[in-house]
């Protein structure tokens, strides 16, 4: 019961650093509040709280805090929040890669390089050590997320990455195959394009 409360509070608290960051970016309290409200009422966000405790539910509060801290150049808080996100969910490393590139583009070269390197190292640790150890002990997961979603491109993460780069047409077609169109519409419709809004000065 306690873990379910912690999970729900973590998801709720993620709205606060998100609001503060949007307010800083947009320089408009009402637009920031509207976008934060869209996040709070986003139905898929609440699915995770309906049953059991999921460590992945902690990732949003860590990531929104990391971005908030980075915008204010509070690098110790940023590092702790990013580490929390990586611990709560392995694929937060892909977000770290994106943040590293973003920071490099913004000329935060050192932080960008460290963030990108952290993402790469975390992926190598996860797929090079943790996954093989888990498979050695429990056997391969027939419903593994990577194989389930991207198995058509290869058997290993490296092979999948190479083949996705070589076949951009097949990658672009992924959202429109099977049940994905309906799922994409269900997940995106509550936002109504809100992430694309930007006040004009």
Protein backbone atom coordinates (compact mmCIF):
# COMPACT_ATOMS: atom_id res chain seq x y z
CA UNK A 1 0.00 0.00 0.00
CA UNK A 2 2.82 2.40 0.90
CA UNK A 3 4.55 1.79 -2.43
CA UNK A 4 1.32 2.56 -4.31
CA UNK A 5 1.07 5.87 -2.46
CA UNK A 6 4.71 6.68 -3.27
CA UNK A 7 4.09 5.80 -6.92
CA UNK A 8 1.04 8.08 -7.16
CA UNK A 9 2.78 10.95 -5.39
CA UNK A 10 5.80 10.64 -7.67
CA UNK A 11 3.63 10.95 -10.77
CA UNK A 12 1.77 13.90 -9.29
CA UNK A 13 4.94 15.69 -8.21
CA UNK A 14 6.42 15.43 -11.70
CA UNK A 15 3.96 18.13 -12.77
CA UNK A 16 5.63 20.81 -10.64
CA UNK A 17 9.12 20.87 -12.22
CA UNK A 18 7.42 20.47 -15.60
CA UNK A 19 5.34 23.60 -14.96
CA UNK A 20 8.35 25.60 -13.76
CA UNK A 21 10.35 24.60 -16.83
CA UNK A 22 7.53 25.43 -19.25
CA UNK A 23 6.98 28.75 -17.52
CA UNK A 24 10.65 29.59 -18.02
CA UNK A 25 10.66 28.48 -21.65
CA UNK A 26 7.39 30.12 -22.69
CA UNK A 27 7.41 33.14 -20.39
CA UNK A 28 3.66 32.66 -19.99
CA UNK A 29 2.11 31.24 -16.81
CA UNK A 30 -1.24 30.40 -18.38
CA UNK A 31 0.19 28.49 -21.33
CA UNK A 32 2.56 26.66 -19.00
CA UNK A 33 -0.36 25.78 -16.72
CA UNK A 34 -2.45 24.57 -19.67
CA UNK A 35 0.31 22.31 -20.95
CA UNK A 36 0.97 20.97 -17.47
CA UNK A 37 -2.75 20.28 -17.06
CA UNK A 38 -2.72 18.37 -20.35
CA UNK A 39 0.10 16.26 -18.90
CA UNK A 40 -1.72 15.68 -15.61
CA UNK A 41 -4.96 14.50 -17.24
CA UNK A 42 -3.17 12.40 -19.88
CA UNK A 43 -4.92 9.05 -19.46
CA UNK A 44 -2.01 6.68 -20.27
CA UNK A 45 -0.07 8.35 -17.47
CA UNK A 46 -2.62 7.02 -15.01
CA UNK A 47 -2.68 3.43 -16.26
CA UNK A 48 0.49 2.64 -14.33
CA UNK A 49 -1.17 3.54 -11.00
CA UNK A 50 -4.14 1.24 -11.44
CA UNK A 51 -2.45 -1.88 -10.07
CA UNK A 52 0.84 -2.93 -8.46
CA UNK A 53 3.97 -0.87 -7.94
CA UNK A 54 6.07 -0.10 -11.01
CA UNK A 55 9.53 1.44 -10.55
CA UNK A 56 9.13 2.95 -14.02
CA UNK A 57 6.46 5.26 -12.57
CA UNK A 58 9.25 7.12 -10.79
CA UNK A 59 10.97 8.08 -14.05
CA UNK A 60 8.78 11.12 -14.94
CA UNK A 61 9.51 12.99 -11.70
CA UNK A 62 13.23 12.33 -12.08
CA UNK A 63 13.32 13.42 -15.73
CA UNK A 64 11.25 16.58 -15.24
CA UNK A 65 13.44 17.46 -12.26
CA UNK A 66 16.58 16.83 -14.31
CA UNK A 67 15.41 19.16 -17.07
CA UNK A 68 14.33 21.77 -14.50
CA UNK A 69 17.75 21.58 -12.83
CA UNK A 70 19.60 21.78 -16.14
CA UNK A 71 17.71 24.92 -17.14
CA UNK A 72 18.93 26.53 -13.92
CA UNK A 73 22.39 24.98 -14.22
CA UNK A 74 22.05 23.24 -10.88
CA UNK A 75 24.26 20.40 -12.03
CA UNK A 76 24.39 18.38 -8.81
CA UNK A 77 20.60 18.18 -8.68
CA UNK A 78 20.60 17.40 -12.41
CA UNK A 79 23.08 14.53 -11.96
CA UNK A 80 21.10 13.02 -9.06
CA UNK A 81 17.80 13.31 -10.92
CA UNK A 82 19.25 11.78 -14.09
CA UNK A 83 20.72 8.91 -12.09
CA UNK A 84 17.32 8.34 -10.48
CA UNK A 85 15.70 8.19 -13.92
CA UNK A 86 18.29 5.70 -15.19
CA UNK A 87 17.82 3.49 -12.15
CA UNK A 88 14.04 3.53 -12.44
CA UNK A 89 14.00 2.57 -16.12
CA UNK A 90 16.81 1.44 -18.38
CA UNK A 91 15.54 3.15 -21.53
CA UNK A 92 15.85 6.51 -19.79
CA UNK A 93 19.35 6.20 -21.24
CA UNK A 94 17.89 7.11 -24.63
CA UNK A 95 16.58 10.33 -23.09
CA UNK A 96 20.08 10.94 -21.72
CA UNK A 97 21.45 10.59 -25.25
CA UNK A 98 18.97 13.17 -26.50
CA UNK A 99 19.72 15.54 -23.64
CA UNK A 100 23.43 15.19 -24.30
CA UNK A 101 22.95 16.22 -27.93
CA UNK A 102 20.66 19.08 -26.91
CA UNK A 103 23.18 20.41 -24.40
CA UNK A 104 25.96 20.17 -26.97
CA UNK A 105 23.81 22.15 -29.42
CA UNK A 106 23.27 24.77 -26.71
CA UNK A 107 27.05 24.91 -26.25
CA UNK A 108 27.00 23.24 -22.84
CA UNK A 109 29.73 21.06 -24.24
CA UNK A 110 31.06 19.46 -21.05
CA UNK A 111 27.65 18.64 -19.59
CA UNK A 112 26.44 17.43 -22.98
CA UNK A 113 29.42 15.11 -23.39
CA UNK A 114 29.07 13.74 -19.86
CA UNK A 115 25.32 13.19 -20.27
CA UNK A 116 25.71 11.47 -23.63
CA UNK A 117 28.51 9.29 -22.27
CA UNK A 118 26.38 8.35 -19.26
CA UNK A 119 23.59 7.26 -21.60
CA UNK A 120 25.93 5.12 -23.69
CA UNK A 121 27.55 3.52 -20.66
CA UNK A 122 24.17 2.78 -19.09
CA UNK A 123 22.96 1.05 -22.25
CA UNK A 124 26.17 -0.97 -22.45
CA UNK A 125 25.81 -1.95 -18.79
CA UNK A 126 22.18 -2.94 -19.24
CA UNK A 127 22.42 -4.87 -22.51
CA UNK A 128 25.99 -6.08 -22.04
CA UNK A 129 25.78 -7.23 -18.43
CA UNK A 130 22.36 -7.09 -16.79
CA UNK A 131 20.33 -8.64 -19.60
CA UNK A 132 22.78 -11.54 -20.22
CA UNK A 133 22.92 -12.28 -16.46
CA UNK A 134 19.12 -12.26 -16.23
CA UNK A 135 18.79 -14.51 -19.28
CA UNK A 136 21.42 -16.89 -17.89
CA UNK A 137 19.47 -17.25 -14.67
CA UNK A 138 15.86 -17.09 -15.85
CA UNK A 139 16.14 -17.87 -19.56
CA UNK A 140 15.38 -15.55 -22.49
CA UNK A 141 12.25 -13.46 -22.21
CA UNK A 142 9.96 -14.42 -25.12
CA UNK A 143 8.09 -11.14 -24.66
CA UNK A 144 11.19 -8.97 -24.42
CA UNK A 145 10.28 -5.41 -25.31
CA UNK A 146 13.06 -4.85 -27.84
CA UNK A 147 12.52 -8.15 -29.61
CA UNK A 148 8.76 -7.70 -29.55
CA UNK A 149 8.88 -4.24 -31.12
CA UNK A 150 12.01 -4.30 -33.24
CA UNK A 151 12.84 -7.99 -33.75
CA UNK A 152 12.19 -7.62 -37.47
CA UNK A 153 15.40 -5.57 -37.69
CA UNK A 154 17.72 -8.01 -35.95
CA UNK A 155 18.51 -10.14 -32.91
CA UNK A 156 20.80 -7.79 -30.95
CA UNK A 157 20.53 -4.08 -30.11
CA UNK A 158 23.54 -3.29 -32.32
CA UNK A 159 22.12 -5.24 -35.26
CA UNK A 160 18.74 -3.58 -34.80
CA UNK A 161 20.31 -0.11 -34.75
CA UNK A 162 22.34 -0.73 -37.91
CA UNK A 163 19.41 -2.16 -39.85
CA UNK A 164 17.11 0.67 -38.77
CA UNK A 165 19.61 3.19 -40.12
CA UNK A 166 19.90 1.20 -43.35
CA UNK A 167 16.11 0.88 -43.77
CA UNK A 168 14.52 4.24 -42.89
CA UNK A 169 11.46 3.43 -44.97
CA UNK A 170 10.64 0.40 -42.82
CA UNK A 171 11.17 2.46 -39.69
CA UNK A 172 8.84 5.21 -40.96
CA UNK A 173 6.17 2.57 -41.65
CA UNK A 174 6.20 1.18 -38.09
CA UNK A 175 3.57 3.56 -36.63
CA UNK A 176 1.12 2.55 -39.36
CA UNK A 177 1.26 -1.24 -39.06
CA UNK A 178 -0.93 -3.58 -37.02
CA UNK A 179 -2.66 -1.94 -34.07
CA UNK A 180 -0.16 0.91 -33.87
CA UNK A 181 -2.28 3.57 -35.70
CA UNK A 182 -5.11 3.18 -33.20
CA UNK A 183 -2.68 3.11 -30.28
CA UNK A 184 -0.86 6.22 -31.54
CA UNK A 185 -4.14 8.09 -31.92
CA UNK A 186 -5.29 7.04 -28.45
CA UNK A 187 -2.04 8.19 -26.86
CA UNK A 188 -1.72 11.48 -28.73
CA UNK A 189 -5.29 12.72 -29.00
CA UNK A 190 -5.58 14.01 -25.40
CA UNK A 191 -2.78 16.45 -26.16
CA UNK A 192 -4.51 17.89 -29.24
CA UNK A 193 -1.20 19.11 -30.55
CA UNK A 194 -0.40 21.01 -27.35
CA UNK A 195 3.34 20.25 -27.50
CA UNK A 196 3.49 22.18 -30.77
CA UNK A 197 2.03 25.35 -29.27
CA UNK A 198 4.33 28.28 -28.75
CA UNK A 199 3.30 31.84 -27.89
CA UNK A 200 4.44 34.40 -30.37
CA UNK A 201 6.01 37.57 -29.06
